[in-house]
Amino acid sequence: MDHETQFLSKFEEDSKSIGFLFMRAYSTWHSQIKNCLKKQSITHPQFIVMATTAYLSQNVDEVT
């Protein structure tokens, strides 16, 4: 893309786009999660697997 190319959008400002605001909020949340998990020496996918396993282990059925 050259400097003259612009992304076409119906929004005049980024702050009016719900998609842009969502991505900004998600990016902030994900960065904070990654920083917290880094202190525990685990990644976000590892945390998801452990949290899911812990949740499923509360049931009497065996988790495989």
PDB file of N, CA and C in Angstrom:
ATOM      1  N   MET A   1       0.844  -1.188   0.000  1.00  0.00           N
ATOM      2  CA  MET A   1       0.000   0.000   0.000  1.00  0.00           C
ATOM      3  C   MET A   1       0.885   1.246   0.000  1.00  0.00           C
ATOM      4  N   ASP A   2       0.547   2.171  -0.848  1.00  0.00           N
ATOM      5  CA  ASP A   2       1.293   3.418  -0.813  1.00  0.00           C
ATOM      6  C   ASP A   2       0.624   4.380   0.167  1.00  0.00           C
ATOM      7  N   HIS A   3       1.220   5.523   0.354  1.00  0.00           N
ATOM      8  CA  HIS A   3       0.714   6.485   1.343  1.00  0.00           C
ATOM      9  C   HIS A   3      -0.611   7.117   0.919  1.00  0.00           C
ATOM     10  N   GLU A   4      -0.961   7.012  -0.352  1.00  0.00           N
ATOM     11  CA  GLU A   4      -2.190   7.616  -0.854  1.00  0.00           C
ATOM     12  C   GLU A   4      -3.392   6.694  -0.681  1.00  0.00           C
ATOM     13  N   THR A   5      -3.168   5.399  -0.452  1.00  0.00           N
ATOM     14  CA  THR A   5      -4.259   4.447  -0.315  1.00  0.00           C
ATOM     15  C   THR A   5      -4.907   4.603   1.054  1.00  0.00           C
ATOM     16  N   GLN A   6      -6.227   4.654   1.068  1.00  0.00           N
ATOM     17  CA  GLN A   6      -6.960   4.770   2.325  1.00  0.00           C
ATOM     18  C   GLN A   6      -7.962   3.631   2.422  1.00  0.00           C
ATOM     19  N   PHE A   7      -8.217   3.181   3.628  1.00  0.00           N
ATOM     20  CA  PHE A   7      -9.221   2.164   3.888  1.00  0.00           C
ATOM     21  C   PHE A   7     -10.591   2.820   3.832  1.00  0.00           C
ATOM     22  N   LEU A   8     -11.449   2.298   2.998  1.00  0.00           N
ATOM     23  CA  LEU A   8     -12.787   2.867   2.868  1.00  0.00           C
ATOM     24  C   LEU A   8     -13.672   2.390   4.014  1.00  0.00           C
ATOM     25  N   SER A   9     -14.322   3.323   4.657  1.00  0.00           N
ATOM     26  CA  SER A   9     -15.185   3.012   5.788  1.00  0.00           C
ATOM     27  C   SER A   9     -16.321   4.016   5.820  1.00  0.00           C
ATOM     28  N   LYS A  10     -17.447   3.595   6.338  1.00  0.00           N
ATOM     29  CA  LYS A  10     -18.567   4.532   6.474  1.00  0.00           C
ATOM     30  C   LYS A  10     -18.383   5.448   7.684  1.00  0.00           C
ATOM     31  N   PHE A  11     -17.384   5.143   8.515  1.00  0.00           N
ATOM     32  CA  PHE A  11     -17.139   5.932   9.717  1.00  0.00           C
ATOM     33  C   PHE A  11     -16.100   7.018   9.432  1.00  0.00           C
ATOM     34  N   GLU A  12     -16.398   8.223   9.830  1.00  0.00           N
ATOM     35  CA  GLU A  12     -15.466   9.324   9.614  1.00  0.00           C
ATOM     36  C   GLU A  12     -14.306   9.268  10.606  1.00  0.00           C
ATOM     37  N   GLU A  13     -14.542   8.695  11.782  1.00  0.00           N
ATOM     38  CA  GLU A  13     -13.518   8.597  12.817  1.00  0.00           C
ATOM     39  C   GLU A  13     -13.457   7.165  13.328  1.00  0.00           C
ATOM     40  N   ASP A  14     -12.241   6.721  13.691  1.00  0.00           N
ATOM     41  CA  ASP A  14     -12.080   5.375  14.238  1.00  0.00           C
ATOM     42  C   ASP A  14     -12.955   5.161  15.467  1.00  0.00           C
ATOM     43  N   SER A  15     -13.079   6.186  16.289  1.00  0.00           N
ATOM     44  CA  SER A  15     -13.814   6.055  17.550  1.00  0.00           C
ATOM     45  C   SER A  15     -15.307   5.822  17.344  1.00  0.00           C
ATOM     46  N   LYS A  16     -15.790   5.971  16.138  1.00  0.00           N
ATOM     47  CA  LYS A  16     -17.207   5.731  15.856  1.00  0.00           C
ATOM     48  C   LYS A  16     -17.469   4.298  15.367  1.00  0.00           C
ATOM     49  N   SER A  17     -16.415   3.545  15.104  1.00  0.00           N
ATOM     50  CA  SER A  17     -16.551   2.180  14.590  1.00  0.00           C
ATOM     51  C   SER A  17     -16.556   1.172  15.733  1.00  0.00           C
ATOM     52  N   ILE A  18     -17.648   0.412  15.887  1.00  0.00           N
ATOM     53  CA  ILE A  18     -17.736  -0.579  16.956  1.00  0.00           C
ATOM     54  C   ILE A  18     -16.693  -1.668  16.753  1.00  0.00           C
ATOM     55  N   GLY A  19     -16.398  -2.021  15.511  1.00  0.00           N
ATOM     56  CA  GLY A  19     -15.367  -3.027  15.236  1.00  0.00           C
ATOM     57  C   GLY A  19     -13.994  -2.563  15.688  1.00  0.00           C
ATOM     58  N   PHE A  20     -13.663  -1.316  15.393  1.00  0.00           N
ATOM     59  CA  PHE A  20     -12.378  -0.767  15.813  1.00  0.00           C
ATOM     60  C   PHE A  20     -12.288  -0.712  17.334  1.00  0.00           C
ATOM     61  N   LEU A  21     -13.351  -0.262  17.978  1.00  0.00           N
ATOM     62  CA  LEU A  21     -13.360  -0.178  19.445  1.00  0.00           C
ATOM     63  C   LEU A  21     -13.237  -1.562  20.071  1.00  0.00           C
ATOM     64  N   PHE A  22     -13.918  -2.553  19.482  1.00  0.00           N
ATOM     65  CA  PHE A  22     -13.810  -3.921  19.984  1.00  0.00           C
ATOM     66  C   PHE A  22     -12.374  -4.427  19.870  1.00  0.00           C
ATOM     67  N   MET A  23     -11.760  -4.242  18.711  1.00  0.00           N
ATOM     68  CA  MET A  23     -10.386  -4.713  18.515  1.00  0.00           C
ATOM     69  C   MET A  23      -9.419  -4.012  19.465  1.00  0.00           C
ATOM     70  N   ARG A  24      -9.635  -2.741  19.715  1.00  0.00           N
ATOM     71  CA  ARG A  24      -8.771  -2.018  20.654  1.00  0.00           C
ATOM     72  C   ARG A  24      -8.945  -2.555  22.076  1.00  0.00           C
ATOM     73  N   ALA A  25     -10.191  -2.804  22.477  1.00  0.00           N
ATOM     74  CA  ALA A  25     -10.448  -3.350  23.819  1.00  0.00           C
ATOM     75  C   ALA A  25      -9.874  -4.757  23.937  1.00  0.00           C
ATOM     76  N   TYR A  26     -10.067  -5.587  22.899  1.00  0.00           N
ATOM     77  CA  TYR A  26      -9.537  -6.945  22.918  1.00  0.00           C
ATOM     78  C   TYR A  26      -8.014  -6.933  23.001  1.00  0.00           C
ATOM     79  N   SER A  27      -7.388  -6.068  22.242  1.00  0.00           N
ATOM     80  CA  SER A  27      -5.924  -5.984  22.237  1.00  0.00           C
ATOM     81  C   SER A  27      -5.402  -5.603  23.623  1.00  0.00           C
ATOM     82  N   THR A  28      -6.059  -4.654  24.261  1.00  0.00           N
ATOM     83  CA  THR A  28      -5.672  -4.236  25.619  1.00  0.00           C
ATOM     84  C   THR A  28      -5.856  -5.393  26.596  1.00  0.00           C
ATOM     85  N   TRP A  29      -7.011  -6.061  26.541  1.00  0.00           N
ATOM     86  CA  TRP A  29      -7.296  -7.195  27.425  1.00  0.00           C
ATOM     87  C   TRP A  29      -6.274  -8.309  27.214  1.00  0.00           C
ATOM     88  N   HIS A  30      -6.001  -8.650  25.960  1.00  0.00           N
ATOM     89  CA  HIS A  30      -5.089  -9.751  25.661  1.00  0.00           C
ATOM     90  C   HIS A  30      -3.671  -9.429  26.138  1.00  0.00           C
ATOM     91  N   SER A  31      -3.239  -8.195  25.981  1.00  0.00           N
ATOM     92  CA  SER A  31      -1.909  -7.792  26.459  1.00  0.00           C
ATOM     93  C   SER A  31      -1.812  -7.919  27.972  1.00  0.00           C
ATOM     94  N   GLN A  32      -2.860  -7.500  28.668  1.00  0.00           N
ATOM     95  CA  GLN A  32      -2.861  -7.598  30.131  1.00  0.00           C
ATOM     96  C   GLN A  32      -2.854  -9.056  30.583  1.00  0.00           C
ATOM     97  N   ILE A  33      -3.639  -9.899  29.926  1.00  0.00           N
ATOM     98  CA  ILE A  33      -3.662 -11.325  30.260  1.00  0.00           C
ATOM     99  C   ILE A  33      -2.282 -11.938  30.042  1.00  0.00           C
ATOM    100  N   LYS A  34      -1.676 -11.648  28.880  1.00  0.00           N
ATOM    101  CA  LYS A  34      -0.358 -12.202  28.578  1.00  0.00           C
ATOM    102  C   LYS A  34       0.682 -11.762  29.605  1.00  0.00           C
ATOM    103  N   ASN A  35       0.620 -10.510  30.044  1.00  0.00           N
ATOM    104  CA  ASN A  35       1.568 -10.029  31.054  1.00  0.00           C
ATOM    105  C   ASN A  35       1.377 -10.738  32.392  1.00  0.00           C
ATOM    106  N   CYS A  36       0.132 -10.946  32.797  1.00  0.00           N
ATOM    107  CA  CYS A  36      -0.134 -11.658  34.056  1.00  0.00           C
ATOM    108  C   CYS A  36       0.325 -13.115  33.976  1.00  0.00           C
ATOM    109  N   LEU A  37       0.039 -13.768  32.865  1.00  0.00           N
ATOM    110  CA  LEU A  37       0.405 -15.171  32.718  1.00  0.00           C
ATOM    111  C   LEU A  37       1.911 -15.348  32.566  1.00  0.00           C
ATOM    112  N   LYS A  38       2.576 -14.363  31.991  1.00  0.00           N
ATOM    113  CA  LYS A  38       4.035 -14.431  31.842  1.00  0.00           C
ATOM    114  C   LYS A  38       4.707 -14.531  33.213  1.00  0.00           C
ATOM    115  N   LYS A  39       4.136 -13.855  34.204  1.00  0.00           N
ATOM    116  CA  LYS A  39       4.674 -13.918  35.578  1.00  0.00           C
ATOM    117  C   LYS A  39       4.562 -15.332  36.145  1.00  0.00           C
ATOM    118  N   GLN A  40       3.604 -16.117  35.637  1.00  0.00           N
ATOM    119  CA  GLN A  40       3.413 -17.498  36.079  1.00  0.00           C
ATOM    120  C   GLN A  40       4.119 -18.491  35.144  1.00  0.00           C
ATOM    121  N   SER A  41       4.806 -17.969  34.140  1.00  0.00           N
ATOM    122  CA  SER A  41       5.544 -18.774  33.150  1.00  0.00           C
ATOM    123  C   SER A  41       4.636 -19.710  32.356  1.00  0.00           C
ATOM    124  N   ILE A  42       3.434 -19.215  32.025  1.00  0.00           N
ATOM    125  CA  ILE A  42       2.537 -19.990  31.160  1.00  0.00           C
ATOM    126  C   ILE A  42       1.992 -19.078  30.059  1.00  0.00           C
ATOM    127  N   THR A  43       1.580 -19.707  28.970  1.00  0.00           N
ATOM    128  CA  THR A  43       1.002 -18.957  27.859  1.00  0.00           C
ATOM    129  C   THR A  43      -0.518 -18.940  27.982  1.00  0.00           C
ATOM    130  N   HIS A  44      -1.162 -18.089  27.198  1.00  0.00           N
ATOM    131  CA  HIS A  44      -2.617 -18.013  27.216  1.00  0.00           C
ATOM    132  C   HIS A  44      -3.253 -19.340  26.784  1.00  0.00           C
ATOM    133  N   PRO A  45      -2.765 -19.990  25.706  1.00  0.00           N
ATOM    134  CA  PRO A  45      -3.340 -21.299  25.366  1.00  0.00           C
ATOM    135  C   PRO A  45      -3.165 -22.336  26.480  1.00  0.00           C
ATOM    136  N   GLN A  46      -2.024 -22.326  27.172  1.00  0.00           N
ATOM    137  CA  GLN A  46      -1.833 -23.255  28.290  1.00  0.00           C
ATOM    138  C   GLN A  46      -2.837 -22.973  29.400  1.00  0.00           C
ATOM    139  N   PHE A  47      -3.073 -21.700  29.678  1.00  0.00           N
ATOM    140  CA  PHE A  47      -4.045 -21.328  30.698  1.00  0.00           C
ATOM    141  C   PHE A  47      -5.437 -21.809  30.322  1.00  0.00           C
ATOM    142  N   ILE A  48      -5.817 -21.641  29.056  1.00  0.00           N
ATOM    143  CA  ILE A  48      -7.143 -22.072  28.601  1.00  0.00           C
ATOM    144  C   ILE A  48      -7.316 -23.577  28.790  1.00  0.00           C
ATOM    145  N   VAL A  49      -6.292 -24.354  28.442  1.00  0.00           N
ATOM    146  CA  VAL A  49      -6.361 -25.816  28.606  1.00  0.00           C
ATOM    147  C   VAL A  49      -6.497 -26.169  30.088  1.00  0.00           C
ATOM    148  N   MET A  50      -5.692 -25.529  30.937  1.00  0.00           N
ATOM    149  CA  MET A  50      -5.763 -25.836  32.375  1.00  0.00           C
ATOM    150  C   MET A  50      -7.104 -25.418  32.969  1.00  0.00           C
ATOM    151  N   ALA A  51      -7.607 -24.245  32.595  1.00  0.00           N
ATOM    152  CA  ALA A  51      -8.888 -23.770  33.124  1.00  0.00           C
ATOM    153  C   ALA A  51     -10.032 -24.670  32.667  1.00  0.00           C
ATOM    154  N   THR A  52      -9.991 -25.078  31.404  1.00  0.00           N
ATOM    155  CA  THR A  52     -11.033 -25.967  30.879  1.00  0.00           C
ATOM    156  C   THR A  52     -10.989 -27.320  31.566  1.00  0.00           C
ATOM    157  N   THR A  53      -9.797 -27.864  31.755  1.00  0.00           N
ATOM    158  CA  THR A  53      -9.642 -29.151  32.436  1.00  0.00           C
ATOM    159  C   THR A  53     -10.143 -29.063  33.880  1.00  0.00           C
ATOM    160  N   ALA A  54      -9.801 -27.967  34.560  1.00  0.00           N
ATOM    161  CA  ALA A  54     -10.257 -27.781  35.945  1.00  0.00           C
ATOM    162  C   ALA A  54     -11.783 -27.704  35.996  1.00  0.00           C
ATOM    163  N   TYR A  55     -12.373 -26.983  35.058  1.00  0.00           N
ATOM    164  CA  TYR A  55     -13.834 -26.865  35.025  1.00  0.00           C
ATOM    165  C   TYR A  55     -14.484 -28.223  34.771  1.00  0.00           C
ATOM    166  N   LEU A  56     -13.978 -28.942  33.769  1.00  0.00           N
ATOM    167  CA  LEU A  56     -14.567 -30.241  33.430  1.00  0.00           C
ATOM    168  C   LEU A  56     -14.340 -31.274  34.535  1.00  0.00           C
ATOM    169  N   SER A  57     -13.280 -31.127  35.304  1.00  0.00           N
ATOM    170  CA  SER A  57     -12.977 -32.060  36.384  1.00  0.00           C
ATOM    171  C   SER A  57     -13.946 -31.938  37.547  1.00  0.00           C
ATOM    172  N   GLN A  58     -14.726 -30.896  37.590  1.00  0.00           N
ATOM    173  CA  GLN A  58     -15.711 -30.726  38.657  1.00  0.00           C
ATOM    174  C   GLN A  58     -16.885 -31.692  38.491  1.00  0.00           C
ATOM    175  N   ASN A  59     -17.034 -32.228  37.299  1.00  0.00           N
ATOM    176  CA  ASN A  59     -18.105 -33.163  37.009  1.00  0.00           C
ATOM    177  C   ASN A  59     -17.641 -34.577  37.392  1.00  0.00           C
ATOM    178  N   VAL A  60     -18.570 -35.463  37.664  1.00  0.00           N
ATOM    179  CA  VAL A  60     -18.199 -36.828  38.042  1.00  0.00           C
ATOM    180  C   VAL A  60     -17.699 -37.647  36.865  1.00  0.00           C
ATOM    181  N   ASP A  61     -18.011 -37.222  35.634  1.00  0.00           N
ATOM    182  CA  ASP A  61     -17.537 -37.934  34.454  1.00  0.00           C
ATOM    183  C   ASP A  61     -16.031 -37.741  34.311  1.00  0.00           C
ATOM    184  N   GLU A  62     -15.384 -38.752  33.737  1.00  0.00           N
ATOM    185  CA  GLU A  62     -13.937 -38.693  33.541  1.00  0.00           C
ATOM    186  C   GLU A  62     -13.602 -37.755  32.370  1.00  0.00           C
ATOM    187  N   VAL A  63     -12.599 -36.935  32.568  1.00  0.00           N
ATOM    188  CA  VAL A  63     -12.111 -36.059  31.497  1.00  0.00           C
ATOM    189  C   VAL A  63     -10.977 -36.787  30.797  1.00  0.00           C
ATOM    190  N   THR A  64     -11.112 -36.932  29.475  1.00  0.00           N
ATOM    191  CA  THR A  64     -10.058 -37.621  28.725  1.00  0.00           C
ATOM    192  C   THR A  64      -9.436 -36.693  27.695  1.00  0.00           C
TER     193      THR A  64
END
